Amino acid sequence: MLEVGTGFHAELTGRENIYINGAILGMTRAEIRRTFDEIVAFAEVERFLDTPVKRYSSGMYVRLAFAVAAHLEPEILVVDEVLAVGDGEFQRKCIGKMHDIATGEGRTVLFVSHNLPAIVNLCTSAICLNAGKIVQTGEPSAVCAGYAALRNTALKSRNSSDILEEIILLNAANQPSPNLMQGDLLKFRVIVTPPEDRGIISLILRDVRDSYSSFMIRNSHYQKLMGRIWLSILMPANFLY
């Protein structure tokens, strides 16, 4: 499973696309017919089943596409970054389905992802790759912590700004911590030297897919301060979820 929705035809209905997409993914017509009701129930698109998918919202589209793929019955299922579909509730439903496949049905699932909480919750063992080489294997929590530390080191090495002197991620006890888990408060301590042209200081948070959120802090708020500026930025738990 590399990309949900591969083979969907915009002009065809949800019902028709279930059969087409299922066939593309290797399911027989009998298998699709047997799991059809489960697929529809999982996707929660019963009311729009006979509507062309071009009329679907993006959320409905990916829910139906994932529902078809999730009901495959291979001995080994390779899942590459396809669980980040739909809203938060549906993502949890997708992870639950993958867990059922791996545990309840006794199948092997190879789950490739940068979603560390999902890896911890879903996997029984983990492998961390860097530049195509294995750097760590073992229990998921430990491997995810190692990956986070590796990522933190890489981000520090990319910082070449003369304005930013230091940025530290803090835990709830205000102690430096390179790793945070979902549900923790997000707090940064930033030390900067004000630019002479009184520009704008902004904190930009980028994820592994290079999506970002930007938090702007205007220099005029600190214009009377000399030397370095210490910023403490606190975000509530699950703010970026």
C-alpha atoms as a PDB file:
ATOM      1  CA  MET A   1       0.000   0.000   0.000  1.00  0.00           C
ATOM      2  CA  LEU A   2       1.858   3.063  -1.297  1.00  0.00           C
ATOM      3  CA  GLU A   3      -0.921   5.497  -2.128  1.00  0.00           C
ATOM      4  CA  VAL A   4      -4.616   5.176  -1.398  1.00  0.00           C
ATOM      5  CA  GLY A   5      -6.979   5.826  -4.287  1.00  0.00           C
ATOM      6  CA  THR A   6      -4.753   4.462  -7.044  1.00  0.00           C
ATOM      7  CA  GLY A   7      -7.040   3.432  -9.897  1.00  0.00           C
ATOM      8  CA  PHE A   8     -10.117   5.375  -8.739  1.00  0.00           C
ATOM      9  CA  HIS A   9     -12.108   6.830 -11.630  1.00  0.00           C
ATOM     10  CA  ALA A  10     -13.726  10.191 -10.872  1.00  0.00           C
ATOM     11  CA  GLU A  11     -16.743   9.601 -13.117  1.00  0.00           C
ATOM     12  CA  LEU A  12     -17.654   6.250 -11.544  1.00  0.00           C
ATOM     13  CA  THR A  13     -19.622   5.766  -8.351  1.00  0.00           C
ATOM     14  CA  GLY A  14     -18.216   4.671  -5.032  1.00  0.00           C
ATOM     15  CA  ARG A  15     -19.754   1.232  -5.560  1.00  0.00           C
ATOM     16  CA  GLU A  16     -18.102   0.830  -8.977  1.00  0.00           C
ATOM     17  CA  ASN A  17     -14.749   2.074  -7.725  1.00  0.00           C
ATOM     18  CA  ILE A  18     -14.735  -0.474  -4.911  1.00  0.00           C
ATOM     19  CA  TYR A  19     -14.813  -3.258  -7.498  1.00  0.00           C
ATOM     20  CA  ILE A  20     -12.288  -1.593  -9.820  1.00  0.00           C
ATOM     21  CA  ASN A  21      -9.848  -0.644  -7.078  1.00  0.00           C
ATOM     22  CA  GLY A  22     -10.181  -4.028  -5.405  1.00  0.00           C
ATOM     23  CA  ALA A  23      -9.363  -5.750  -8.693  1.00  0.00           C
ATOM     24  CA  ILE A  24      -6.315  -3.526  -9.227  1.00  0.00           C
ATOM     25  CA  LEU A  25      -5.102  -4.436  -5.741  1.00  0.00           C
ATOM     26  CA  GLY A  26      -5.421  -8.139  -6.535  1.00  0.00           C
ATOM     27  CA  MET A  27      -8.781  -9.086  -5.025  1.00  0.00           C
ATOM     28  CA  THR A  28     -11.103 -11.413  -6.908  1.00  0.00           C
ATOM     29  CA  ARG A  29     -14.692 -10.423  -7.580  1.00  0.00           C
ATOM     30  CA  ALA A  30     -15.844 -13.024  -5.045  1.00  0.00           C
ATOM     31  CA  GLU A  31     -13.533 -11.565  -2.385  1.00  0.00           C
ATOM     32  CA  ILE A  32     -14.768  -8.042  -3.071  1.00  0.00           C
ATOM     33  CA  ARG A  33     -18.385  -9.185  -2.915  1.00  0.00           C
ATOM     34  CA  ARG A  34     -17.756 -10.982   0.373  1.00  0.00           C
ATOM     35  CA  THR A  35     -16.139  -7.951   2.040  1.00  0.00           C
ATOM     36  CA  PHE A  36     -18.212  -5.272   0.275  1.00  0.00           C
ATOM     37  CA  ASP A  37     -20.454  -4.439   3.232  1.00  0.00           C
ATOM     38  CA  GLU A  38     -17.453  -4.285   5.587  1.00  0.00           C
ATOM     39  CA  ILE A  39     -15.637  -1.913   3.224  1.00  0.00           C
ATOM     40  CA  VAL A  40     -18.641   0.411   2.978  1.00  0.00           C
ATOM     41  CA  ALA A  41     -19.215   0.381   6.742  1.00  0.00           C
ATOM     42  CA  PHE A  42     -15.541   1.093   7.427  1.00  0.00           C
ATOM     43  CA  ALA A  43     -15.501   4.042   4.996  1.00  0.00           C
ATOM     44  CA  GLU A  44     -18.811   5.434   6.360  1.00  0.00           C
ATOM     45  CA  VAL A  45     -20.042   6.481   2.906  1.00  0.00           C
ATOM     46  CA  GLU A  46     -23.254   4.427   2.712  1.00  0.00           C
ATOM     47  CA  ARG A  47     -25.415   7.403   1.732  1.00  0.00           C
ATOM     48  CA  PHE A  48     -23.157   8.312  -1.188  1.00  0.00           C
ATOM     49  CA  LEU A  49     -22.328   4.849  -2.472  1.00  0.00           C
ATOM     50  CA  ASP A  50     -24.035   5.442  -5.844  1.00  0.00           C
ATOM     51  CA  THR A  51     -22.654   8.964  -6.257  1.00  0.00           C
ATOM     52  CA  PRO A  52     -19.668   9.577  -8.594  1.00  0.00           C
ATOM     53  CA  VAL A  53     -16.542   9.963  -6.469  1.00  0.00           C
ATOM     54  CA  LYS A  54     -15.794  13.302  -8.152  1.00  0.00           C
ATOM     55  CA  ARG A  55     -18.593  14.620  -5.914  1.00  0.00           C
ATOM     56  CA  TYR A  56     -16.905  13.269  -2.774  1.00  0.00           C
ATOM     57  CA  SER A  57     -15.000  15.456  -0.383  1.00  0.00           C
ATOM     58  CA  SER A  58     -11.291  14.668  -0.087  1.00  0.00           C
ATOM     59  CA  GLY A  59     -11.978  13.000   3.265  1.00  0.00           C
ATOM     60  CA  MET A  60     -14.689  10.725   1.853  1.00  0.00           C
ATOM     61  CA  TYR A  61     -12.450   9.845  -1.096  1.00  0.00           C
ATOM     62  CA  VAL A  62      -9.469   8.714   0.988  1.00  0.00           C
ATOM     63  CA  ARG A  63     -11.709   6.923   3.513  1.00  0.00           C
ATOM     64  CA  LEU A  64     -13.227   4.789   0.771  1.00  0.00           C
ATOM     65  CA  ALA A  65      -9.866   4.183  -0.872  1.00  0.00           C
ATOM     66  CA  PHE A  66      -8.230   3.104   2.386  1.00  0.00           C
ATOM     67  CA  ALA A  67     -11.205   0.920   3.281  1.00  0.00           C
ATOM     68  CA  VAL A  68     -10.718  -1.085   0.089  1.00  0.00           C
ATOM     69  CA  ALA A  69      -6.977  -1.480   0.660  1.00  0.00           C
ATOM     70  CA  ALA A  70      -7.449  -2.355   4.334  1.00  0.00           C
ATOM     71  CA  HIS A  71      -9.567  -5.377   3.447  1.00  0.00           C
ATOM     72  CA  LEU A  72      -6.905  -7.082   1.385  1.00  0.00           C
ATOM     73  CA  GLU A  73      -5.901 -10.487   2.709  1.00  0.00           C
ATOM     74  CA  PRO A  74      -2.199 -10.925   1.869  1.00  0.00           C
ATOM     75  CA  GLU A  75       0.191 -12.934   4.001  1.00  0.00           C
ATOM     76  CA  ILE A  76       2.540  -9.929   4.143  1.00  0.00           C
ATOM     77  CA  LEU A  77       1.174  -6.373   3.976  1.00  0.00           C
ATOM     78  CA  VAL A  78       3.644  -3.531   3.293  1.00  0.00           C
ATOM     79  CA  VAL A  79       2.204  -0.171   4.391  1.00  0.00           C
ATOM     80  CA  ASP A  80       4.171   2.941   3.425  1.00  0.00           C
ATOM     81  CA  GLU A  81       2.912   6.200   4.954  1.00  0.00           C
ATOM     82  CA  VAL A  82      -0.745   5.688   4.030  1.00  0.00           C
ATOM     83  CA  LEU A  83      -2.313   5.925   7.481  1.00  0.00           C
ATOM     84  CA  ALA A  84      -2.259   9.738   7.541  1.00  0.00           C
ATOM     85  CA  VAL A  85      -5.627   9.935   5.770  1.00  0.00           C
ATOM     86  CA  GLY A  86      -8.877  11.578   6.803  1.00  0.00           C
ATOM     87  CA  ASP A  87      -9.446  13.232  10.168  1.00  0.00           C
ATOM     88  CA  GLY A  88      -7.943  12.264  13.505  1.00  0.00           C
ATOM     89  CA  GLU A  89     -10.735   9.857  14.396  1.00  0.00           C
ATOM     90  CA  PHE A  90     -10.440   8.002  11.081  1.00  0.00           C
ATOM     91  CA  GLN A  91      -6.653   7.817  11.424  1.00  0.00           C
ATOM     92  CA  ARG A  92      -7.109   6.092  14.778  1.00  0.00           C
ATOM     93  CA  LYS A  93      -9.572   3.751  13.090  1.00  0.00           C
ATOM     94  CA  CYS A  94      -6.992   2.956  10.387  1.00  0.00           C
ATOM     95  CA  ILE A  95      -4.315   2.176  12.960  1.00  0.00           C
ATOM     96  CA  GLY A  96      -6.780  -0.031  14.799  1.00  0.00           C
ATOM     97  CA  LYS A  97      -7.472  -1.923  11.569  1.00  0.00           C
ATOM     98  CA  MET A  98      -3.757  -2.462  10.979  1.00  0.00           C
ATOM     99  CA  HIS A  99      -3.403  -3.728  14.552  1.00  0.00           C
ATOM    100  CA  ASP A 100      -6.255  -6.182  13.993  1.00  0.00           C
ATOM    101  CA  ILE A 101      -4.629  -7.458  10.797  1.00  0.00           C
ATOM    102  CA  ALA A 102      -1.311  -8.012  12.556  1.00  0.00           C
ATOM    103  CA  THR A 103      -2.625  -9.537  15.783  1.00  0.00           C
ATOM    104  CA  GLY A 104      -6.138 -10.845  15.291  1.00  0.00           C
ATOM    105  CA  GLU A 105      -5.546 -12.272  11.813  1.00  0.00           C
ATOM    106  CA  GLY A 106      -1.956 -13.350  12.375  1.00  0.00           C
ATOM    107  CA  ARG A 107      -0.590 -11.607   9.286  1.00  0.00           C
ATOM    108  CA  THR A 108       2.748  -9.844   8.901  1.00  0.00           C
ATOM    109  CA  VAL A 109       2.587  -6.046   8.541  1.00  0.00           C
ATOM    110  CA  LEU A 110       5.666  -4.056   7.507  1.00  0.00           C
ATOM    111  CA  PHE A 111       4.777  -0.507   8.537  1.00  0.00           C
ATOM    112  CA  VAL A 112       6.950   2.316   7.113  1.00  0.00           C
ATOM    113  CA  SER A 113       6.285   5.678   8.739  1.00  0.00           C
ATOM    114  CA  HIS A 114       7.604   8.811  10.454  1.00  0.00           C
ATOM    115  CA  ASN A 115       4.573   8.798  12.782  1.00  0.00           C
ATOM    116  CA  LEU A 116       6.367   7.815  15.983  1.00  0.00           C
ATOM    117  CA  PRO A 117       3.276   7.349  18.217  1.00  0.00           C
ATOM    118  CA  ALA A 118       1.722   5.081  15.568  1.00  0.00           C
ATOM    119  CA  ILE A 119       4.915   3.004  15.389  1.00  0.00           C
ATOM    120  CA  VAL A 120       5.009   2.635  19.180  1.00  0.00           C
ATOM    121  CA  ASN A 121       1.335   1.660  19.350  1.00  0.00           C
ATOM    122  CA  LEU A 122       1.264  -0.630  16.327  1.00  0.00           C
ATOM    123  CA  CYS A 123       4.618  -2.349  16.021  1.00  0.00           C
ATOM    124  CA  THR A 124       6.296  -5.095  18.039  1.00  0.00           C
ATOM    125  CA  SER A 125       9.777  -4.266  16.730  1.00  0.00           C
ATOM    126  CA  ALA A 126      11.280  -1.378  14.784  1.00  0.00           C
ATOM    127  CA  ILE A 127      14.167  -0.528  12.473  1.00  0.00           C
ATOM    128  CA  CYS A 128      15.624   2.982  12.047  1.00  0.00           C
ATOM    129  CA  LEU A 129      17.177   3.791   8.683  1.00  0.00           C
ATOM    130  CA  ASN A 130      19.475   6.705   7.883  1.00  0.00           C
ATOM    131  CA  ALA A 131      20.697   7.299   4.307  1.00  0.00           C
ATOM    132  CA  GLY A 132      19.595   3.775   3.419  1.00  0.00           C
ATOM    133  CA  LYS A 133      21.534   2.119   6.234  1.00  0.00           C
ATOM    134  CA  ILE A 134      20.246   0.462   9.392  1.00  0.00           C
ATOM    135  CA  VAL A 135      21.349   2.478  12.433  1.00  0.00           C
ATOM    136  CA  GLN A 136      19.194   0.894  15.137  1.00  0.00           C
ATOM    137  CA  THR A 137      16.868  -2.034  15.663  1.00  0.00           C
ATOM    138  CA  GLY A 138      14.860  -3.195  18.649  1.00  0.00           C
ATOM    139  CA  GLU A 139      11.900  -2.256  20.821  1.00  0.00           C
ATOM    140  CA  PRO A 140       9.769   0.476  19.141  1.00  0.00           C
ATOM    141  CA  SER A 141       9.959   3.054  21.962  1.00  0.00           C
ATOM    142  CA  ALA A 142      13.748   2.883  22.104  1.00  0.00           C
ATOM    143  CA  VAL A 143      14.149   3.013  18.328  1.00  0.00           C
ATOM    144  CA  CYS A 144      11.737   5.958  18.039  1.00  0.00           C
ATOM    145  CA  ALA A 145      13.678   7.821  20.728  1.00  0.00           C
ATOM    146  CA  GLY A 146      16.877   7.164  18.783  1.00  0.00           C
ATOM    147  CA  TYR A 147      15.268   8.423  15.575  1.00  0.00           C
ATOM    148  CA  ALA A 148      14.074  11.605  17.305  1.00  0.00           C
ATOM    149  CA  ALA A 149      17.568  12.251  18.657  1.00  0.00           C
ATOM    150  CA  LEU A 150      19.056  11.645  15.199  1.00  0.00           C
ATOM    151  CA  ARG A 151      16.564  14.051  13.660  1.00  0.00           C
ATOM    152  CA  ASN A 152      17.290  16.665  16.343  1.00  0.00           C
ATOM    153  CA  THR A 153      21.023  16.429  15.640  1.00  0.00           C
ATOM    154  CA  ALA A 154      20.433  16.834  11.907  1.00  0.00           C
ATOM    155  CA  LEU A 155      18.308  19.946  12.441  1.00  0.00           C
ATOM    156  CA  LYS A 156      20.975  21.510  14.662  1.00  0.00           C
ATOM    157  CA  SER A 157      23.659  20.886  12.058  1.00  0.00           C
ATOM    158  CA  ARG A 158      21.544  22.668   9.426  1.00  0.00           C
ATOM    159  CA  ASN A 159      21.280  25.844  11.509  1.00  0.00           C
ATOM    160  CA  SER A 160      23.705  28.426  10.111  1.00  0.00           C
ATOM    161  CA  SER A 161      21.944  31.568  11.319  1.00  0.00           C
ATOM    162  CA  ASP A 162      23.956  34.237  13.144  1.00  0.00           C
ATOM    163  CA  ILE A 163      20.750  35.509  14.748  1.00  0.00           C
ATOM    164  CA  LEU A 164      19.655  32.296  16.421  1.00  0.00           C
ATOM    165  CA  GLU A 165      22.054  31.365  19.203  1.00  0.00           C
ATOM    166  CA  GLU A 166      20.171  28.506  20.788  1.00  0.00           C
ATOM    167  CA  ILE A 167      16.866  26.664  20.651  1.00  0.00           C
ATOM    168  CA  ILE A 168      16.018  24.039  23.243  1.00  0.00           C
ATOM    169  CA  LEU A 169      13.013  21.765  23.534  1.00  0.00           C
ATOM    170  CA  LEU A 170      11.808  21.541  27.138  1.00  0.00           C
ATOM    171  CA  ASN A 171       9.619  19.045  28.961  1.00  0.00           C
ATOM    172  CA  ALA A 172       6.869  19.822  31.496  1.00  0.00           C
ATOM    173  CA  ALA A 173       9.515  20.252  34.237  1.00  0.00           C
ATOM    174  CA  ASN A 174      11.332  22.878  32.125  1.00  0.00           C
ATOM    175  CA  GLN A 175      14.262  20.521  31.632  1.00  0.00           C
ATOM    176  CA  PRO A 176      15.930  20.104  28.225  1.00  0.00           C
ATOM    177  CA  SER A 177      14.528  17.023  26.507  1.00  0.00           C
ATOM    178  CA  PRO A 178      15.171  15.970  22.885  1.00  0.00           C
ATOM    179  CA  ASN A 179      12.120  13.698  22.831  1.00  0.00           C
ATOM    180  CA  LEU A 180       8.448  14.361  23.461  1.00  0.00           C
ATOM    181  CA  MET A 181       5.516  12.022  22.990  1.00  0.00           C
ATOM    182  CA  GLN A 182       2.007  12.819  21.822  1.00  0.00           C
ATOM    183  CA  GLY A 183       0.049  14.449  24.630  1.00  0.00           C
ATOM    184  CA  ASP A 184       3.020  16.310  26.122  1.00  0.00           C
ATOM    185  CA  LEU A 185       3.209  20.081  26.374  1.00  0.00           C
ATOM    186  CA  LEU A 186       5.382  21.668  23.681  1.00  0.00           C
ATOM    187  CA  LYS A 187       7.775  24.272  25.023  1.00  0.00           C
ATOM    188  CA  PHE A 188      10.744  25.987  23.405  1.00  0.00           C
ATOM    189  CA  ARG A 189      13.436  28.202  24.888  1.00  0.00           C
ATOM    190  CA  VAL A 190      14.904  30.366  22.158  1.00  0.00           C
ATOM    191  CA  ILE A 191      17.856  32.730  22.514  1.00  0.00           C
ATOM    192  CA  VAL A 192      18.352  35.249  19.704  1.00  0.00           C
ATOM    193  CA  THR A 193      20.413  38.329  18.924  1.00  0.00           C
ATOM    194  CA  PRO A 194      18.064  41.055  17.600  1.00  0.00           C
ATOM    195  CA  PRO A 195      18.768  41.933  13.953  1.00  0.00           C
ATOM    196  CA  GLU A 196      19.826  45.535  13.409  1.00  0.00           C
ATOM    197  CA  ASP A 197      17.116  46.181  10.842  1.00  0.00           C
ATOM    198  CA  ARG A 198      14.378  45.266  13.330  1.00  0.00           C
ATOM    199  CA  GLY A 199      12.943  42.577  11.095  1.00  0.00           C
ATOM    200  CA  ILE A 200      10.594  39.865  12.240  1.00  0.00           C
ATOM    201  CA  ILE A 201      11.542  36.885  14.353  1.00  0.00           C
ATOM    202  CA  SER A 202       9.524  33.804  13.503  1.00  0.00           C
ATOM    203  CA  LEU A 203       9.552  30.253  14.770  1.00  0.00           C
ATOM    204  CA  ILE A 204       8.785  27.766  11.998  1.00  0.00           C
ATOM    205  CA  LEU A 205       8.069  24.161  12.899  1.00  0.00           C
ATOM    206  CA  ARG A 206       8.580  21.710  10.059  1.00  0.00           C
ATOM    207  CA  ASP A 207       7.592  18.059  10.085  1.00  0.00           C
ATOM    208  CA  VAL A 208       9.314  15.240   8.226  1.00  0.00           C
ATOM    209  CA  ARG A 209       7.181  15.928   5.151  1.00  0.00           C
ATOM    210  CA  ASP A 210       8.352  19.573   5.158  1.00  0.00           C
ATOM    211  CA  SER A 211       4.905  20.856   6.085  1.00  0.00           C
ATOM    212  CA  TYR A 212       5.199  23.694   8.569  1.00  0.00           C
ATOM    213  CA  SER A 213       3.473  25.979  11.040  1.00  0.00           C
ATOM    214  CA  SER A 214       4.840  29.488  11.525  1.00  0.00           C
ATOM    215  CA  PHE A 215       4.636  31.531  14.730  1.00  0.00           C
ATOM    216  CA  MET A 216       5.511  35.180  14.246  1.00  0.00           C
ATOM    217  CA  ILE A 217       7.062  37.310  17.016  1.00  0.00           C
ATOM    218  CA  ARG A 218       7.634  40.957  16.063  1.00  0.00           C
ATOM    219  CA  ASN A 219      10.866  42.595  17.184  1.00  0.00           C
ATOM    220  CA  SER A 220       9.093  45.788  18.221  1.00  0.00           C
ATOM    221  CA  HIS A 221       7.917  43.965  21.357  1.00  0.00           C
ATOM    222  CA  TYR A 222      11.528  43.877  22.546  1.00  0.00           C
ATOM    223  CA  GLN A 223      12.948  47.047  21.074  1.00  0.00           C
ATOM    224  CA  LYS A 224      14.098  48.393  24.475  1.00  0.00           C
ATOM    225  CA  LEU A 225      16.157  45.287  25.271  1.00  0.00           C
ATOM    226  CA  MET A 226      19.874  45.187  24.562  1.00  0.00           C
ATOM    227  CA  GLY A 227      21.934  42.148  23.705  1.00  0.00           C
ATOM    228  CA  ARG A 228      20.273  38.793  23.588  1.00  0.00           C
ATOM    229  CA  ILE A 229      16.553  38.028  23.689  1.00  0.00           C
ATOM    230  CA  TRP A 230      15.259  35.019  25.564  1.00  0.00           C
ATOM    231  CA  LEU A 231      11.944  33.707  24.287  1.00  0.00           C
ATOM    232  CA  SER A 232       9.853  31.075  26.016  1.00  0.00           C
ATOM    233  CA  ILE A 233       7.201  29.656  23.704  1.00  0.00           C
ATOM    234  CA  LEU A 234       4.588  27.332  25.185  1.00  0.00           C
ATOM    235  CA  MET A 235       2.050  25.358  23.145  1.00  0.00           C
ATOM    236  CA  PRO A 236      -0.703  23.202  24.621  1.00  0.00           C
ATOM    237  CA  ALA A 237      -0.670  19.426  24.351  1.00  0.00           C
ATOM    238  CA  ASN A 238      -1.746  18.081  20.940  1.00  0.00           C
ATOM    239  CA  PHE A 239      -1.634  21.610  19.487  1.00  0.00           C
ATOM    240  CA  LEU A 240      -0.140  20.343  16.218  1.00  0.00           C
ATOM    241  CA  TYR A 241      -2.128  17.120  16.070  1.00  0.00           C
END
